[in-house]
Amino acid sequence: YARDLVISCAEMRGLQVEVDNTHPIKLSDAPLWEEAFITSSVSIIKPIEKIYIPTLSSDDSDNNPSRCVDGNSMHVLWSAKEYSENNDDSENDLQPKWKAIYREIMKAGY
């Protein structure tokens, strides 16, 4: 329910929404991502600030070209753009799109 509500509201706001359940999200596309968020029935929409992935080695001595360096080695794949905390203008492009979507949903009374 929350996912459909967020997608519908984003489209009503004129945002481009791509829903492709047949292809996984590619980590190589991370530089193209403007924002990332998750949806849930409790909080509707929550922003993701950073995405971490395991640090990989390219040690192919054991024919395993990409294995984790160790169990705790992580690096940031993607970070969200920083917005001014003082900017609460819901029509302003300087605010996160997830926040505009959330406000639209709350205004509609869902």
N, C-alpha and C. Protein backbone atom coordinates (compact mmCIF):
# COMPACT_ATOMS: atom_id res chain seq x y z
N TYR A 1 0.83 -1.20 0.00
CA TYR A 1 0.00 0.00 0.00
C TYR A 1 0.87 1.26 0.00
N ALA A 2 1.84 1.34 0.89
CA ALA A 2 2.68 2.53 0.98
C ALA A 2 3.46 2.75 -0.31
N ARG A 3 4.00 1.67 -0.87
CA ARG A 3 4.76 1.79 -2.12
C ARG A 3 3.89 2.37 -3.23
N ASP A 4 2.69 1.82 -3.41
CA ASP A 4 1.79 2.32 -4.45
C ASP A 4 1.39 3.77 -4.20
N LEU A 5 1.17 4.11 -2.95
CA LEU A 5 0.81 5.48 -2.59
C LEU A 5 1.94 6.45 -2.92
N VAL A 6 3.17 6.09 -2.60
CA VAL A 6 4.33 6.95 -2.89
C VAL A 6 4.52 7.09 -4.40
N ILE A 7 4.40 6.00 -5.14
CA ILE A 7 4.56 6.06 -6.60
C ILE A 7 3.49 6.93 -7.21
N SER A 8 2.25 6.75 -6.78
CA SER A 8 1.14 7.55 -7.31
C SER A 8 1.33 9.03 -7.02
N CYS A 9 1.72 9.36 -5.80
CA CYS A 9 1.92 10.75 -5.41
C CYS A 9 3.10 11.37 -6.17
N ALA A 10 4.15 10.61 -6.35
CA ALA A 10 5.31 11.11 -7.11
C ALA A 10 4.91 11.43 -8.54
N GLU A 11 4.14 10.56 -9.15
CA GLU A 11 3.69 10.82 -10.52
C GLU A 11 2.78 12.04 -10.58
N MET A 12 1.91 12.22 -9.57
CA MET A 12 1.03 13.40 -9.54
C MET A 12 1.84 14.69 -9.42
N ARG A 13 3.00 14.62 -8.77
CA ARG A 13 3.88 15.79 -8.63
C ARG A 13 4.73 16.01 -9.87
N GLY A 14 4.58 15.14 -10.88
CA GLY A 14 5.33 15.30 -12.11
C GLY A 14 6.71 14.68 -12.10
N LEU A 15 6.98 13.84 -11.12
CA LEU A 15 8.28 13.19 -11.06
C LEU A 15 8.28 11.95 -11.94
N GLN A 16 9.41 11.69 -12.57
CA GLN A 16 9.54 10.49 -13.39
C GLN A 16 9.70 9.29 -12.48
N VAL A 17 8.85 8.31 -12.65
CA VAL A 17 8.88 7.10 -11.84
C VAL A 17 9.11 5.92 -12.76
N GLU A 18 10.16 5.17 -12.48
CA GLU A 18 10.45 3.97 -13.26
C GLU A 18 10.25 2.77 -12.36
N VAL A 19 9.29 1.95 -12.71
CA VAL A 19 9.02 0.74 -11.95
C VAL A 19 9.27 -0.43 -12.89
N ASP A 20 10.34 -1.15 -12.62
CA ASP A 20 10.70 -2.30 -13.44
C ASP A 20 11.01 -3.46 -12.50
N ASN A 21 10.05 -4.31 -12.33
CA ASN A 21 10.22 -5.44 -11.41
C ASN A 21 10.97 -6.61 -12.04
N THR A 22 11.37 -6.48 -13.30
CA THR A 22 12.04 -7.58 -13.97
C THR A 22 13.56 -7.45 -13.96
N HIS A 23 14.07 -6.26 -13.66
CA HIS A 23 15.52 -6.04 -13.66
C HIS A 23 15.95 -5.48 -12.30
N PRO A 24 17.01 -6.03 -11.74
CA PRO A 24 17.49 -5.51 -10.46
C PRO A 24 18.14 -4.13 -10.62
N ILE A 25 18.20 -3.41 -9.53
CA ILE A 25 18.89 -2.13 -9.51
C ILE A 25 20.38 -2.42 -9.65
N LYS A 26 21.05 -1.69 -10.52
CA LYS A 26 22.48 -1.91 -10.74
C LYS A 26 23.30 -0.95 -9.89
N LEU A 27 24.25 -1.48 -9.15
CA LEU A 27 25.12 -0.65 -8.34
C LEU A 27 25.95 0.29 -9.21
N SER A 28 26.21 -0.10 -10.43
CA SER A 28 26.98 0.75 -11.34
C SER A 28 26.22 2.02 -11.72
N ASP A 29 24.91 2.03 -11.49
CA ASP A 29 24.10 3.22 -11.77
C ASP A 29 24.07 4.21 -10.60
N ALA A 30 24.74 3.89 -9.50
CA ALA A 30 24.69 4.73 -8.30
C ALA A 30 25.01 6.21 -8.57
N PRO A 31 25.97 6.55 -9.44
CA PRO A 31 26.22 7.97 -9.68
C PRO A 31 25.03 8.72 -10.29
N LEU A 32 24.08 7.99 -10.83
CA LEU A 32 22.90 8.61 -11.45
C LEU A 32 21.77 8.85 -10.45
N TRP A 33 21.84 8.22 -9.30
CA TRP A 33 20.76 8.32 -8.32
C TRP A 33 20.76 9.70 -7.68
N GLU A 34 19.59 10.34 -7.66
CA GLU A 34 19.45 11.65 -7.01
C GLU A 34 19.03 11.47 -5.56
N GLU A 35 18.12 10.55 -5.31
CA GLU A 35 17.64 10.28 -3.96
C GLU A 35 17.33 8.80 -3.86
N ALA A 36 17.32 8.31 -2.64
CA ALA A 36 16.92 6.93 -2.38
C ALA A 36 16.08 6.93 -1.12
N PHE A 37 15.07 6.08 -1.10
CA PHE A 37 14.22 6.00 0.08
C PHE A 37 13.59 4.62 0.14
N ILE A 38 13.06 4.31 1.30
CA ILE A 38 12.30 3.07 1.49
C ILE A 38 10.88 3.45 1.86
N THR A 39 9.96 2.55 1.61
CA THR A 39 8.58 2.78 1.99
C THR A 39 8.18 1.72 3.01
N SER A 40 7.26 2.10 3.90
CA SER A 40 6.73 1.15 4.86
C SER A 40 5.34 1.60 5.30
N SER A 41 4.58 0.67 5.82
CA SER A 41 3.22 1.02 6.25
C SER A 41 3.22 1.92 7.48
N VAL A 42 4.29 1.92 8.26
CA VAL A 42 4.35 2.73 9.47
C VAL A 42 4.77 4.17 9.16
N SER A 43 5.86 4.34 8.43
CA SER A 43 6.37 5.69 8.20
C SER A 43 6.16 6.19 6.77
N ILE A 44 5.50 5.44 5.93
CA ILE A 44 5.20 5.76 4.53
C ILE A 44 6.48 5.87 3.70
N ILE A 45 7.33 6.86 3.99
CA ILE A 45 8.54 7.07 3.19
C ILE A 45 9.66 7.56 4.11
N LYS A 46 10.83 6.97 3.97
CA LYS A 46 11.99 7.35 4.77
C LYS A 46 13.20 7.48 3.85
N PRO A 47 13.92 8.58 3.98
CA PRO A 47 15.09 8.76 3.12
C PRO A 47 16.25 7.85 3.54
N ILE A 48 17.07 7.51 2.58
CA ILE A 48 18.31 6.79 2.83
C ILE A 48 19.43 7.80 2.65
N GLU A 49 20.27 7.94 3.64
CA GLU A 49 21.35 8.92 3.57
C GLU A 49 22.61 8.37 2.91
N LYS A 50 22.92 7.10 3.19
CA LYS A 50 24.10 6.48 2.61
C LYS A 50 23.83 5.01 2.34
N ILE A 51 24.48 4.50 1.31
CA ILE A 51 24.43 3.08 1.01
C ILE A 51 25.85 2.55 1.08
N TYR A 52 26.04 1.56 1.95
CA TYR A 52 27.34 0.94 2.15
C TYR A 52 27.36 -0.43 1.47
N ILE A 53 28.52 -0.79 0.93
CA ILE A 53 28.70 -2.13 0.40
C ILE A 53 30.04 -2.68 0.88
N PRO A 54 30.19 -4.00 0.87
CA PRO A 54 31.47 -4.59 1.31
C PRO A 54 32.62 -4.17 0.40
N THR A 55 33.78 -3.96 0.99
CA THR A 55 34.97 -3.69 0.22
C THR A 55 35.45 -5.01 -0.37
N LEU A 56 35.68 -5.02 -1.67
CA LEU A 56 36.07 -6.24 -2.35
C LEU A 56 37.54 -6.20 -2.73
N SER A 57 38.15 -7.36 -2.79
CA SER A 57 39.52 -7.47 -3.27
C SER A 57 39.48 -8.07 -4.66
N SER A 58 40.55 -7.94 -5.39
CA SER A 58 40.62 -8.56 -6.71
C SER A 58 41.73 -9.60 -6.71
N ASP A 59 41.79 -10.34 -5.65
CA ASP A 59 42.77 -11.42 -5.50
C ASP A 59 42.24 -12.66 -6.22
N ASP A 60 42.78 -12.93 -7.40
CA ASP A 60 42.29 -14.08 -8.13
C ASP A 60 43.21 -15.29 -7.99
N SER A 61 44.02 -15.30 -6.92
CA SER A 61 44.90 -16.44 -6.71
C SER A 61 44.10 -17.71 -6.41
N ASP A 62 42.90 -17.53 -5.86
CA ASP A 62 42.06 -18.71 -5.59
C ASP A 62 40.85 -18.75 -6.52
N ASN A 63 40.99 -18.11 -7.69
CA ASN A 63 39.94 -18.07 -8.70
C ASN A 63 38.63 -17.46 -8.20
N ASN A 64 38.73 -16.56 -7.26
CA ASN A 64 37.57 -15.83 -6.75
C ASN A 64 37.88 -14.35 -6.89
N PRO A 65 37.58 -13.76 -8.06
CA PRO A 65 38.03 -12.40 -8.36
C PRO A 65 37.42 -11.29 -7.51
N SER A 66 36.33 -11.53 -6.83
CA SER A 66 35.76 -10.46 -6.01
C SER A 66 35.24 -11.04 -4.71
N ARG A 67 36.08 -11.03 -3.71
CA ARG A 67 35.65 -11.50 -2.40
C ARG A 67 35.88 -10.40 -1.38
N CYS A 68 35.14 -10.46 -0.30
CA CYS A 68 35.26 -9.45 0.74
C CYS A 68 36.66 -9.47 1.34
N VAL A 69 37.17 -8.27 1.59
CA VAL A 69 38.48 -8.16 2.22
C VAL A 69 38.44 -8.77 3.60
N ASP A 70 37.47 -8.39 4.40
CA ASP A 70 37.21 -9.04 5.68
C ASP A 70 35.75 -8.78 6.03
N GLY A 71 35.30 -9.35 7.09
CA GLY A 71 33.89 -9.26 7.44
C GLY A 71 33.40 -7.87 7.80
N ASN A 72 34.32 -6.95 8.12
CA ASN A 72 33.91 -5.62 8.58
C ASN A 72 34.26 -4.49 7.63
N SER A 73 34.88 -4.78 6.50
CA SER A 73 35.29 -3.72 5.58
C SER A 73 34.14 -3.29 4.69
N MET A 74 33.71 -2.05 4.89
CA MET A 74 32.61 -1.49 4.10
C MET A 74 33.06 -0.14 3.57
N HIS A 75 32.49 0.26 2.43
CA HIS A 75 32.73 1.61 1.94
C HIS A 75 31.42 2.18 1.42
N VAL A 76 31.37 3.49 1.34
CA VAL A 76 30.15 4.18 0.90
C VAL A 76 30.06 4.09 -0.62
N LEU A 77 28.99 3.50 -1.09
CA LEU A 77 28.72 3.43 -2.53
C LEU A 77 28.05 4.71 -2.99
N TRP A 78 27.14 5.23 -2.17
CA TRP A 78 26.34 6.39 -2.56
C TRP A 78 25.98 7.20 -1.32
N SER A 79 25.96 8.53 -1.47
CA SER A 79 25.53 9.43 -0.40
C SER A 79 24.49 10.39 -0.94
N ALA A 80 23.50 10.69 -0.12
CA ALA A 80 22.45 11.63 -0.52
C ALA A 80 23.01 13.04 -0.60
N LYS A 81 22.43 13.80 -1.49
CA LYS A 81 22.75 15.22 -1.61
C LYS A 81 22.30 15.91 -0.32
N GLU A 82 23.08 16.88 0.14
CA GLU A 82 22.71 17.60 1.35
C GLU A 82 21.82 18.79 0.99
N TYR A 83 20.75 18.95 1.74
CA TYR A 83 19.82 20.06 1.56
C TYR A 83 19.89 20.94 2.79
N SER A 84 19.55 22.20 2.61
CA SER A 84 19.52 23.12 3.73
C SER A 84 18.40 22.74 4.69
N GLU A 85 18.71 22.64 5.97
CA GLU A 85 17.70 22.29 6.97
C GLU A 85 16.68 23.41 7.15
N ASN A 86 17.05 24.62 6.78
CA ASN A 86 16.15 25.77 6.96
C ASN A 86 15.13 25.90 5.85
N ASN A 87 15.29 25.13 4.79
CA ASN A 87 14.41 25.25 3.64
C ASN A 87 13.22 24.32 3.80
N ASP A 88 12.06 24.88 4.16
CA ASP A 88 10.85 24.08 4.32
C ASP A 88 9.81 24.40 3.26
N ASP A 89 10.18 25.08 2.21
CA ASP A 89 9.24 25.44 1.15
C ASP A 89 8.88 24.19 0.35
N SER A 90 7.63 23.74 0.47
CA SER A 90 7.22 22.49 -0.17
C SER A 90 7.21 22.57 -1.69
N GLU A 91 7.19 23.75 -2.26
CA GLU A 91 7.19 23.87 -3.71
C GLU A 91 8.58 24.15 -4.26
N ASN A 92 9.56 24.26 -3.40
CA ASN A 92 10.92 24.62 -3.81
C ASN A 92 11.69 23.38 -4.23
N ASP A 93 12.42 23.47 -5.35
CA ASP A 93 13.23 22.35 -5.83
C ASP A 93 14.43 22.09 -4.93
N LEU A 94 14.70 22.99 -3.98
CA LEU A 94 15.85 22.82 -3.11
C LEU A 94 15.58 21.88 -1.94
N GLN A 95 14.36 21.40 -1.84
CA GLN A 95 14.05 20.44 -0.79
C GLN A 95 14.07 19.03 -1.38
N PRO A 96 14.31 18.03 -0.57
CA PRO A 96 14.31 16.65 -1.08
C PRO A 96 12.95 16.27 -1.66
N LYS A 97 12.97 15.52 -2.72
CA LYS A 97 11.72 15.10 -3.35
C LYS A 97 10.91 14.17 -2.45
N TRP A 98 11.61 13.35 -1.65
CA TRP A 98 10.87 12.45 -0.76
C TRP A 98 10.03 13.24 0.22
N LYS A 99 10.54 14.40 0.66
CA LYS A 99 9.82 15.23 1.63
C LYS A 99 8.57 15.84 0.99
N ALA A 100 8.69 16.27 -0.26
CA ALA A 100 7.54 16.81 -0.98
C ALA A 100 6.48 15.73 -1.18
N ILE A 101 6.90 14.52 -1.48
CA ILE A 101 5.96 13.41 -1.65
C ILE A 101 5.25 13.13 -0.32
N TYR A 102 6.00 13.09 0.76
CA TYR A 102 5.41 12.84 2.08
C TYR A 102 4.39 13.92 2.44
N ARG A 103 4.75 15.16 2.21
CA ARG A 103 3.82 16.26 2.53
C ARG A 103 2.54 16.15 1.70
N GLU A 104 2.68 15.79 0.44
CA GLU A 104 1.51 15.63 -0.43
C GLU A 104 0.60 14.52 0.10
N ILE A 105 1.18 13.42 0.54
CA ILE A 105 0.40 12.30 1.08
C ILE A 105 -0.31 12.74 2.35
N MET A 106 0.38 13.45 3.23
CA MET A 106 -0.24 13.90 4.48
C MET A 106 -1.34 14.91 4.21
N LYS A 107 -1.11 15.80 3.23
CA LYS A 107 -2.12 16.81 2.88
C LYS A 107 -3.39 16.14 2.35
N ALA A 108 -3.23 15.04 1.63
CA ALA A 108 -4.38 14.33 1.08
C ALA A 108 -5.11 13.50 2.13
N GLY A 109 -4.49 13.35 3.30
CA GLY A 109 -5.15 12.66 4.40
C GLY A 109 -5.10 11.15 4.35
N TYR A 110 -4.09 10.61 3.73
CA TYR A 110 -3.97 9.14 3.67
C TYR A 110 -3.51 8.57 4.98
